[in-house]
Amino acid sequence: MTSVGWKSRLLDTRKSDSRLVNVLLKHGADPLVRCAKGRLAVEYAQQAAADERRIDRKGAAAVAEMLRRATDRASRKAARGLS
């Protein structure tokens, strides 16, 4: 899959597919990549988890937490200059 494909899949976290997000992260998807609007995947996931109209809020919350941890790790790594 191209880097654009990875990015679009990771940013489309509104589907709340934790297995897909986990596979993407394990295979090198960058959680710090931003969409054209400047938002991170974790921001989309957090918004989905907060939406009370969603049937799958638990799944969305799981994806949001997974991406939060991945974003934190990637940010710390980048800060140390190891990216």
PDB file of N, CA and C in Angstrom:
ATOM      1  N   MET A   1       0.847  -1.174   0.000  1.00  0.00           N
ATOM      2  CA  MET A   1       0.000   0.000   0.000  1.00  0.00           C
ATOM      3  C   MET A   1       0.892   1.237   0.000  1.00  0.00           C
ATOM      4  N   THR A   2       0.506   2.248  -0.735  1.00  0.00           N
ATOM      5  CA  THR A   2       1.286   3.476  -0.805  1.00  0.00           C
ATOM      6  C   THR A   2       1.161   4.255   0.493  1.00  0.00           C
ATOM      7  N   SER A   3       2.061   5.219   0.684  1.00  0.00           N
ATOM      8  CA  SER A   3       1.987   6.038   1.901  1.00  0.00           C
ATOM      9  C   SER A   3       0.678   6.813   1.954  1.00  0.00           C
ATOM     10  N   VAL A   4       0.156   7.196   0.803  1.00  0.00           N
ATOM     11  CA  VAL A   4      -1.129   7.893   0.778  1.00  0.00           C
ATOM     12  C   VAL A   4      -2.232   6.952   1.245  1.00  0.00           C
ATOM     13  N   GLY A   5      -2.169   5.699   0.837  1.00  0.00           N
ATOM     14  CA  GLY A   5      -3.154   4.713   1.266  1.00  0.00           C
ATOM     15  C   GLY A   5      -3.111   4.486   2.759  1.00  0.00           C
ATOM     16  N   TRP A   6      -1.913   4.365   3.324  1.00  0.00           N
ATOM     17  CA  TRP A   6      -1.767   4.198   4.775  1.00  0.00           C
ATOM     18  C   TRP A   6      -2.368   5.402   5.493  1.00  0.00           C
ATOM     19  N   LYS A   7      -2.027   6.573   5.001  1.00  0.00           N
ATOM     20  CA  LYS A   7      -2.499   7.796   5.636  1.00  0.00           C
ATOM     21  C   LYS A   7      -4.020   7.873   5.619  1.00  0.00           C
ATOM     22  N   SER A   8      -4.605   7.602   4.464  1.00  0.00           N
ATOM     23  CA  SER A   8      -6.058   7.727   4.377  1.00  0.00           C
ATOM     24  C   SER A   8      -6.748   6.692   5.251  1.00  0.00           C
ATOM     25  N   ARG A   9      -6.200   5.495   5.342  1.00  0.00           N
ATOM     26  CA  ARG A   9      -6.787   4.464   6.198  1.00  0.00           C
ATOM     27  C   ARG A   9      -6.684   4.850   7.663  1.00  0.00           C
ATOM     28  N   LEU A  10      -5.524   5.352   8.064  1.00  0.00           N
ATOM     29  CA  LEU A  10      -5.338   5.715   9.464  1.00  0.00           C
ATOM     30  C   LEU A  10      -6.213   6.909   9.837  1.00  0.00           C
ATOM     31  N   LEU A  11      -6.326   7.867   8.941  1.00  0.00           N
ATOM     32  CA  LEU A  11      -7.140   9.043   9.230  1.00  0.00           C
ATOM     33  C   LEU A  11      -8.627   8.724   9.228  1.00  0.00           C
ATOM     34  N   ASP A  12      -9.017   7.629   8.602  1.00  0.00           N
ATOM     35  CA  ASP A  12     -10.431   7.263   8.570  1.00  0.00           C
ATOM     36  C   ASP A  12     -10.768   6.393   9.777  1.00  0.00           C
ATOM     37  N   THR A  13     -10.481   6.903  10.941  1.00  0.00           N
ATOM     38  CA  THR A  13     -10.696   6.160  12.184  1.00  0.00           C
ATOM     39  C   THR A  13     -12.147   6.224  12.634  1.00  0.00           C
ATOM     40  N   ARG A  14     -12.948   6.959  11.925  1.00  0.00           N
ATOM     41  CA  ARG A  14     -14.355   7.062  12.311  1.00  0.00           C
ATOM     42  C   ARG A  14     -15.081   5.733  12.193  1.00  0.00           C
ATOM     43  N   LYS A  15     -14.486   4.782  11.475  1.00  0.00           N
ATOM     44  CA  LYS A  15     -15.099   3.456  11.354  1.00  0.00           C
ATOM     45  C   LYS A  15     -14.908   2.639  12.625  1.00  0.00           C
ATOM     46  N   SER A  16     -14.045   3.068  13.506  1.00  0.00           N
ATOM     47  CA  SER A  16     -13.811   2.414  14.804  1.00  0.00           C
ATOM     48  C   SER A  16     -13.348   0.972  14.666  1.00  0.00           C
ATOM     49  N   ASP A  17     -12.530   0.693  13.672  1.00  0.00           N
ATOM     50  CA  ASP A  17     -12.010  -0.654  13.462  1.00  0.00           C
ATOM     51  C   ASP A  17     -10.647  -0.764  14.137  1.00  0.00           C
ATOM     52  N   SER A  18     -10.649  -1.196  15.392  1.00  0.00           N
ATOM     53  CA  SER A  18      -9.402  -1.243  16.153  1.00  0.00           C
ATOM     54  C   SER A  18      -8.412  -2.242  15.560  1.00  0.00           C
ATOM     55  N   ARG A  19      -8.921  -3.319  14.962  1.00  0.00           N
ATOM     56  CA  ARG A  19      -8.002  -4.292  14.345  1.00  0.00           C
ATOM     57  C   ARG A  19      -7.260  -3.666  13.171  1.00  0.00           C
ATOM     58  N   LEU A  20      -7.972  -2.908  12.342  1.00  0.00           N
ATOM     59  CA  LEU A  20      -7.342  -2.256  11.204  1.00  0.00           C
ATOM     60  C   LEU A  20      -6.315  -1.233  11.671  1.00  0.00           C
ATOM     61  N   VAL A  21      -6.676  -0.419  12.642  1.00  0.00           N
ATOM     62  CA  VAL A  21      -5.753   0.594  13.153  1.00  0.00           C
ATOM     63  C   VAL A  21      -4.515  -0.074  13.747  1.00  0.00           C
ATOM     64  N   ASN A  22      -4.705  -1.158  14.483  1.00  0.00           N
ATOM     65  CA  ASN A  22      -3.584  -1.880  15.073  1.00  0.00           C
ATOM     66  C   ASN A  22      -2.637  -2.409  13.989  1.00  0.00           C
ATOM     67  N   VAL A  23      -3.187  -2.999  12.937  1.00  0.00           N
ATOM     68  CA  VAL A  23      -2.355  -3.512  11.841  1.00  0.00           C
ATOM     69  C   VAL A  23      -1.598  -2.373  11.171  1.00  0.00           C
ATOM     70  N   LEU A  24      -2.278  -1.267  10.906  1.00  0.00           N
ATOM     71  CA  LEU A  24      -1.618  -0.127  10.270  1.00  0.00           C
ATOM     72  C   LEU A  24      -0.466   0.393  11.119  1.00  0.00           C
ATOM     73  N   LEU A  25      -0.684   0.525  12.414  1.00  0.00           N
ATOM     74  CA  LEU A  25       0.373   1.020  13.298  1.00  0.00           C
ATOM     75  C   LEU A  25       1.535   0.036  13.371  1.00  0.00           C
ATOM     76  N   LYS A  26       1.243  -1.247  13.460  1.00  0.00           N
ATOM     77  CA  LYS A  26       2.301  -2.262  13.524  1.00  0.00           C
ATOM     78  C   LYS A  26       3.135  -2.302  12.251  1.00  0.00           C
ATOM     79  N   HIS A  27       2.544  -1.891  11.135  1.00  0.00           N
ATOM     80  CA  HIS A  27       3.256  -1.918   9.860  1.00  0.00           C
ATOM     81  C   HIS A  27       3.795  -0.540   9.465  1.00  0.00           C
ATOM     82  N   GLY A  28       3.905   0.345  10.427  1.00  0.00           N
ATOM     83  CA  GLY A  28       4.606   1.595  10.189  1.00  0.00           C
ATOM     84  C   GLY A  28       3.791   2.821   9.854  1.00  0.00           C
ATOM     85  N   ALA A  29       2.476   2.753   9.969  1.00  0.00           N
ATOM     86  CA  ALA A  29       1.683   3.963   9.720  1.00  0.00           C
ATOM     87  C   ALA A  29       2.062   5.017  10.755  1.00  0.00           C
ATOM     88  N   ASP A  30       2.214   6.231  10.320  1.00  0.00           N
ATOM     89  CA  ASP A  30       2.657   7.329  11.181  1.00  0.00           C
ATOM     90  C   ASP A  30       1.456   8.021  11.826  1.00  0.00           C
ATOM     91  N   PRO A  31       1.295   7.895  13.141  1.00  0.00           N
ATOM     92  CA  PRO A  31       0.155   8.540  13.797  1.00  0.00           C
ATOM     93  C   PRO A  31       0.270  10.064  13.849  1.00  0.00           C
ATOM     94  N   LEU A  32       1.423  10.601  13.466  1.00  0.00           N
ATOM     95  CA  LEU A  32       1.615  12.054  13.499  1.00  0.00           C
ATOM     96  C   LEU A  32       1.300  12.722  12.162  1.00  0.00           C
ATOM     97  N   VAL A  33       0.911  11.936  11.170  1.00  0.00           N
ATOM     98  CA  VAL A  33       0.543  12.490   9.867  1.00  0.00           C
ATOM     99  C   VAL A  33      -0.777  13.233  10.003  1.00  0.00           C
ATOM    100  N   ARG A  34      -0.843  14.396   9.383  1.00  0.00           N
ATOM    101  CA  ARG A  34      -2.049  15.222   9.462  1.00  0.00           C
ATOM    102  C   ARG A  34      -2.789  15.214   8.134  1.00  0.00           C
ATOM    103  N   CYS A  35      -4.087  15.386   8.216  1.00  0.00           N
ATOM    104  CA  CYS A  35      -4.905  15.475   7.000  1.00  0.00           C
ATOM    105  C   CYS A  35      -4.755  16.880   6.412  1.00  0.00           C
ATOM    106  N   ALA A  36      -5.446  17.119   5.324  1.00  0.00           N
ATOM    107  CA  ALA A  36      -5.379  18.426   4.662  1.00  0.00           C
ATOM    108  C   ALA A  36      -5.869  19.554   5.572  1.00  0.00           C
ATOM    109  N   LYS A  37      -6.739  19.229   6.536  1.00  0.00           N
ATOM    110  CA  LYS A  37      -7.250  20.234   7.469  1.00  0.00           C
ATOM    111  C   LYS A  37      -6.331  20.415   8.674  1.00  0.00           C
ATOM    112  N   GLY A  38      -5.247  19.646   8.727  1.00  0.00           N
ATOM    113  CA  GLY A  38      -4.284  19.784   9.811  1.00  0.00           C
ATOM    114  C   GLY A  38      -4.590  18.952  11.046  1.00  0.00           C
ATOM    115  N   ARG A  39      -5.533  18.026  10.941  1.00  0.00           N
ATOM    116  CA  ARG A  39      -5.930  17.206  12.100  1.00  0.00           C
ATOM    117  C   ARG A  39      -5.220  15.866  12.090  1.00  0.00           C
ATOM    118  N   LEU A  40      -4.971  15.349  13.289  1.00  0.00           N
ATOM    119  CA  LEU A  40      -4.380  14.025  13.461  1.00  0.00           C
ATOM    120  C   LEU A  40      -5.480  12.968  13.506  1.00  0.00           C
ATOM    121  N   ALA A  41      -5.108  11.721  13.231  1.00  0.00           N
ATOM    122  CA  ALA A  41      -6.067  10.615  13.301  1.00  0.00           C
ATOM    123  C   ALA A  41      -6.667  10.520  14.698  1.00  0.00           C
ATOM    124  N   VAL A  42      -5.854  10.756  15.727  1.00  0.00           N
ATOM    125  CA  VAL A  42      -6.358  10.671  17.100  1.00  0.00           C
ATOM    126  C   VAL A  42      -7.463  11.692  17.349  1.00  0.00           C
ATOM    127  N   GLU A  43      -7.384  12.830  16.716  1.00  0.00           N
ATOM    128  CA  GLU A  43      -8.421  13.844  16.885  1.00  0.00           C
ATOM    129  C   GLU A  43      -9.753  13.375  16.288  1.00  0.00           C
ATOM    130  N   TYR A  44      -9.691  12.750  15.114  1.00  0.00           N
ATOM    131  CA  TYR A  44     -10.905  12.191  14.514  1.00  0.00           C
ATOM    132  C   TYR A  44     -11.483  11.089  15.399  1.00  0.00           C
ATOM    133  N   ALA A  45     -10.611  10.243  15.923  1.00  0.00           N
ATOM    134  CA  ALA A  45     -11.067   9.134  16.768  1.00  0.00           C
ATOM    135  C   ALA A  45     -11.700   9.650  18.057  1.00  0.00           C
ATOM    136  N   GLN A  46     -11.097  10.660  18.661  1.00  0.00           N
ATOM    137  CA  GLN A  46     -11.663  11.231  19.892  1.00  0.00           C
ATOM    138  C   GLN A  46     -13.019  11.868  19.621  1.00  0.00           C
ATOM    139  N   GLN A  47     -13.154  12.515  18.484  1.00  0.00           N
ATOM    140  CA  GLN A  47     -14.434  13.115  18.115  1.00  0.00           C
ATOM    141  C   GLN A  47     -15.496  12.032  17.931  1.00  0.00           C
ATOM    142  N   ALA A  48     -15.122  10.931  17.290  1.00  0.00           N
ATOM    143  CA  ALA A  48     -16.064   9.823  17.089  1.00  0.00           C
ATOM    144  C   ALA A  48     -16.466   9.206  18.422  1.00  0.00           C
ATOM    145  N   ALA A  49     -15.510   9.065  19.337  1.00  0.00           N
ATOM    146  CA  ALA A  49     -15.801   8.472  20.644  1.00  0.00           C
ATOM    147  C   ALA A  49     -16.724   9.356  21.478  1.00  0.00           C
ATOM    148  N   ALA A  50     -16.673  10.654  21.260  1.00  0.00           N
ATOM    149  CA  ALA A  50     -17.498  11.585  22.029  1.00  0.00           C
ATOM    150  C   ALA A  50     -18.906  11.758  21.455  1.00  0.00           C
ATOM    151  N   ASP A  51     -19.127  11.252  20.261  1.00  0.00           N
ATOM    152  CA  ASP A  51     -20.418  11.405  19.591  1.00  0.00           C
ATOM    153  C   ASP A  51     -21.444  10.454  20.209  1.00  0.00           C
ATOM    154  N   GLU A  52     -22.375  10.999  20.957  1.00  0.00           N
ATOM    155  CA  GLU A  52     -23.370  10.190  21.664  1.00  0.00           C
ATOM    156  C   GLU A  52     -24.357   9.504  20.732  1.00  0.00           C
ATOM    157  N   ARG A  53     -24.405   9.904  19.484  1.00  0.00           N
ATOM    158  CA  ARG A  53     -25.314   9.274  18.525  1.00  0.00           C
ATOM    159  C   ARG A  53     -24.756   7.968  17.963  1.00  0.00           C
ATOM    160  N   ARG A  54     -23.476   7.714  18.198  1.00  0.00           N
ATOM    161  CA  ARG A  54     -22.824   6.518  17.650  1.00  0.00           C
ATOM    162  C   ARG A  54     -23.253   5.265  18.399  1.00  0.00           C
ATOM    163  N   ILE A  55     -23.504   4.230  17.669  1.00  0.00           N
ATOM    164  CA  ILE A  55     -23.816   2.938  18.267  1.00  0.00           C
ATOM    165  C   ILE A  55     -22.547   2.294  18.810  1.00  0.00           C
ATOM    166  N   ASP A  56     -21.432   2.495  18.120  1.00  0.00           N
ATOM    167  CA  ASP A  56     -20.173   1.831  18.461  1.00  0.00           C
ATOM    168  C   ASP A  56     -19.205   2.742  19.232  1.00  0.00           C
ATOM    169  N   ARG A  57     -19.711   3.448  20.209  1.00  0.00           N
ATOM    170  CA  ARG A  57     -18.861   4.368  20.965  1.00  0.00           C
ATOM    171  C   ARG A  57     -17.721   3.648  21.684  1.00  0.00           C
ATOM    172  N   LYS A  58     -17.976   2.405  22.153  1.00  0.00           N
ATOM    173  CA  LYS A  58     -16.909   1.666  22.820  1.00  0.00           C
ATOM    174  C   LYS A  58     -15.764   1.377  21.856  1.00  0.00           C
ATOM    175  N   GLY A  59     -16.105   0.995  20.638  1.00  0.00           N
ATOM    176  CA  GLY A  59     -15.081   0.741  19.625  1.00  0.00           C
ATOM    177  C   GLY A  59     -14.327   2.011  19.275  1.00  0.00           C
ATOM    178  N   ALA A  60     -15.064   3.100  19.158  1.00  0.00           N
ATOM    179  CA  ALA A  60     -14.434   4.382  18.853  1.00  0.00           C
ATOM    180  C   ALA A  60     -13.505   4.807  19.991  1.00  0.00           C
ATOM    181  N   ALA A  61     -13.925   4.562  21.225  1.00  0.00           N
ATOM    182  CA  ALA A  61     -13.081   4.914  22.380  1.00  0.00           C
ATOM    183  C   ALA A  61     -11.818   4.064  22.403  1.00  0.00           C
ATOM    184  N   ALA A  62     -11.932   2.786  22.028  1.00  0.00           N
ATOM    185  CA  ALA A  62     -10.765   1.900  21.985  1.00  0.00           C
ATOM    186  C   ALA A  62      -9.769   2.376  20.924  1.00  0.00           C
ATOM    187  N   VAL A  63     -10.277   2.776  19.767  1.00  0.00           N
ATOM    188  CA  VAL A  63      -9.413   3.290  18.704  1.00  0.00           C
ATOM    189  C   VAL A  63      -8.771   4.602  19.144  1.00  0.00           C
ATOM    190  N   ALA A  64      -9.535   5.467  19.779  1.00  0.00           N
ATOM    191  CA  ALA A  64      -8.999   6.744  20.247  1.00  0.00           C
ATOM    192  C   ALA A  64      -7.866   6.521  21.243  1.00  0.00           C
ATOM    193  N   GLU A  65      -8.042   5.585  22.162  1.00  0.00           N
ATOM    194  CA  GLU A  65      -7.001   5.302  23.151  1.00  0.00           C
ATOM    195  C   GLU A  65      -5.762   4.698  22.483  1.00  0.00           C
ATOM    196  N   MET A  66      -5.970   3.793  21.548  1.00  0.00           N
ATOM    197  CA  MET A  66      -4.849   3.179  20.823  1.00  0.00           C
ATOM    198  C   MET A  66      -4.046   4.256  20.078  1.00  0.00           C
ATOM    199  N   LEU A  67      -4.754   5.150  19.409  1.00  0.00           N
ATOM    200  CA  LEU A  67      -4.078   6.211  18.673  1.00  0.00           C
ATOM    201  C   LEU A  67      -3.438   7.242  19.600  1.00  0.00           C
ATOM    202  N   ARG A  68      -4.061   7.492  20.756  1.00  0.00           N
ATOM    203  CA  ARG A  68      -3.459   8.421  21.716  1.00  0.00           C
ATOM    204  C   ARG A  68      -2.103   7.888  22.172  1.00  0.00           C
ATOM    205  N   ARG A  69      -2.060   6.598  22.519  1.00  0.00           N
ATOM    206  CA  ARG A  69      -0.799   5.995  22.962  1.00  0.00           C
ATOM    207  C   ARG A  69       0.241   6.017  21.838  1.00  0.00           C
ATOM    208  N   ALA A  70      -0.177   5.681  20.623  1.00  0.00           N
ATOM    209  CA  ALA A  70       0.746   5.672  19.486  1.00  0.00           C
ATOM    210  C   ALA A  70       1.258   7.076  19.186  1.00  0.00           C
ATOM    211  N   THR A  71       0.374   8.062  19.277  1.00  0.00           N
ATOM    212  CA  THR A  71       0.768   9.451  19.040  1.00  0.00           C
ATOM    213  C   THR A  71       1.747   9.922  20.106  1.00  0.00           C
ATOM    214  N   ASP A  72       1.490   9.574  21.357  1.00  0.00           N
ATOM    215  CA  ASP A  72       2.414   9.939  22.449  1.00  0.00           C
ATOM    216  C   ASP A  72       3.790   9.329  22.227  1.00  0.00           C
ATOM    217  N   ARG A  73       3.823   8.029  21.884  1.00  0.00           N
ATOM    218  CA  ARG A  73       5.107   7.350  21.643  1.00  0.00           C
ATOM    219  C   ARG A  73       5.848   7.995  20.484  1.00  0.00           C
ATOM    220  N   ALA A  74       5.145   8.260  19.382  1.00  0.00           N
ATOM    221  CA  ALA A  74       5.771   8.856  18.210  1.00  0.00           C
ATOM    222  C   ALA A  74       6.274  10.267  18.506  1.00  0.00           C
ATOM    223  N   SER A  75       5.532  11.013  19.306  1.00  0.00           N
ATOM    224  CA  SER A  75       5.953  12.377  19.669  1.00  0.00           C
ATOM    225  C   SER A  75       7.217  12.348  20.518  1.00  0.00           C
ATOM    226  N   ARG A  76       7.259  11.436  21.484  1.00  0.00           N
ATOM    227  CA  ARG A  76       8.467  11.318  22.317  1.00  0.00           C
ATOM    228  C   ARG A  76       9.665  10.901  21.484  1.00  0.00           C
ATOM    229  N   LYS A  77       9.449   9.965  20.567  1.00  0.00           N
ATOM    230  CA  LYS A  77      10.525   9.492  19.698  1.00  0.00           C
ATOM    231  C   LYS A  77      11.033  10.639  18.821  1.00  0.00           C
ATOM    232  N   ALA A  78      10.120  11.402  18.257  1.00  0.00           N
ATOM    233  CA  ALA A  78      10.496  12.535  17.408  1.00  0.00           C
ATOM    234  C   ALA A  78      11.249  13.590  18.216  1.00  0.00           C
ATOM    235  N   ALA A  79      10.834  13.807  19.446  1.00  0.00           N
ATOM    236  CA  ALA A  79      11.496  14.787  20.302  1.00  0.00           C
ATOM    237  C   ALA A  79      12.945  14.388  20.602  1.00  0.00           C
ATOM    238  N   ARG A  80      13.177  13.078  20.669  1.00  0.00           N
ATOM    239  CA  ARG A  80      14.548  12.589  20.914  1.00  0.00           C
ATOM    240  C   ARG A  80      15.358  12.538  19.638  1.00  0.00           C
ATOM    241  N   GLY A  81      14.716  12.852  18.510  1.00  0.00           N
ATOM    242  CA  GLY A  81      15.411  12.849  17.239  1.00  0.00           C
ATOM    243  C   GLY A  81      15.630  11.483  16.643  1.00  0.00           C
ATOM    244  N   LEU A  82      14.762  10.529  16.972  1.00  0.00           N
ATOM    245  CA  LEU A  82      14.914   9.164  16.486  1.00  0.00           C
ATOM    246  C   LEU A  82      13.931   8.795  15.409  1.00  0.00           C
ATOM    247  N   SER A  83      13.234   9.753  14.850  1.00  0.00           N
ATOM    248  CA  SER A  83      12.193   9.417  13.872  1.00  0.00           C
ATOM    249  C   SER A  83      12.767   8.925  12.565  1.00  0.00           C
TER     250      SER A  83
END
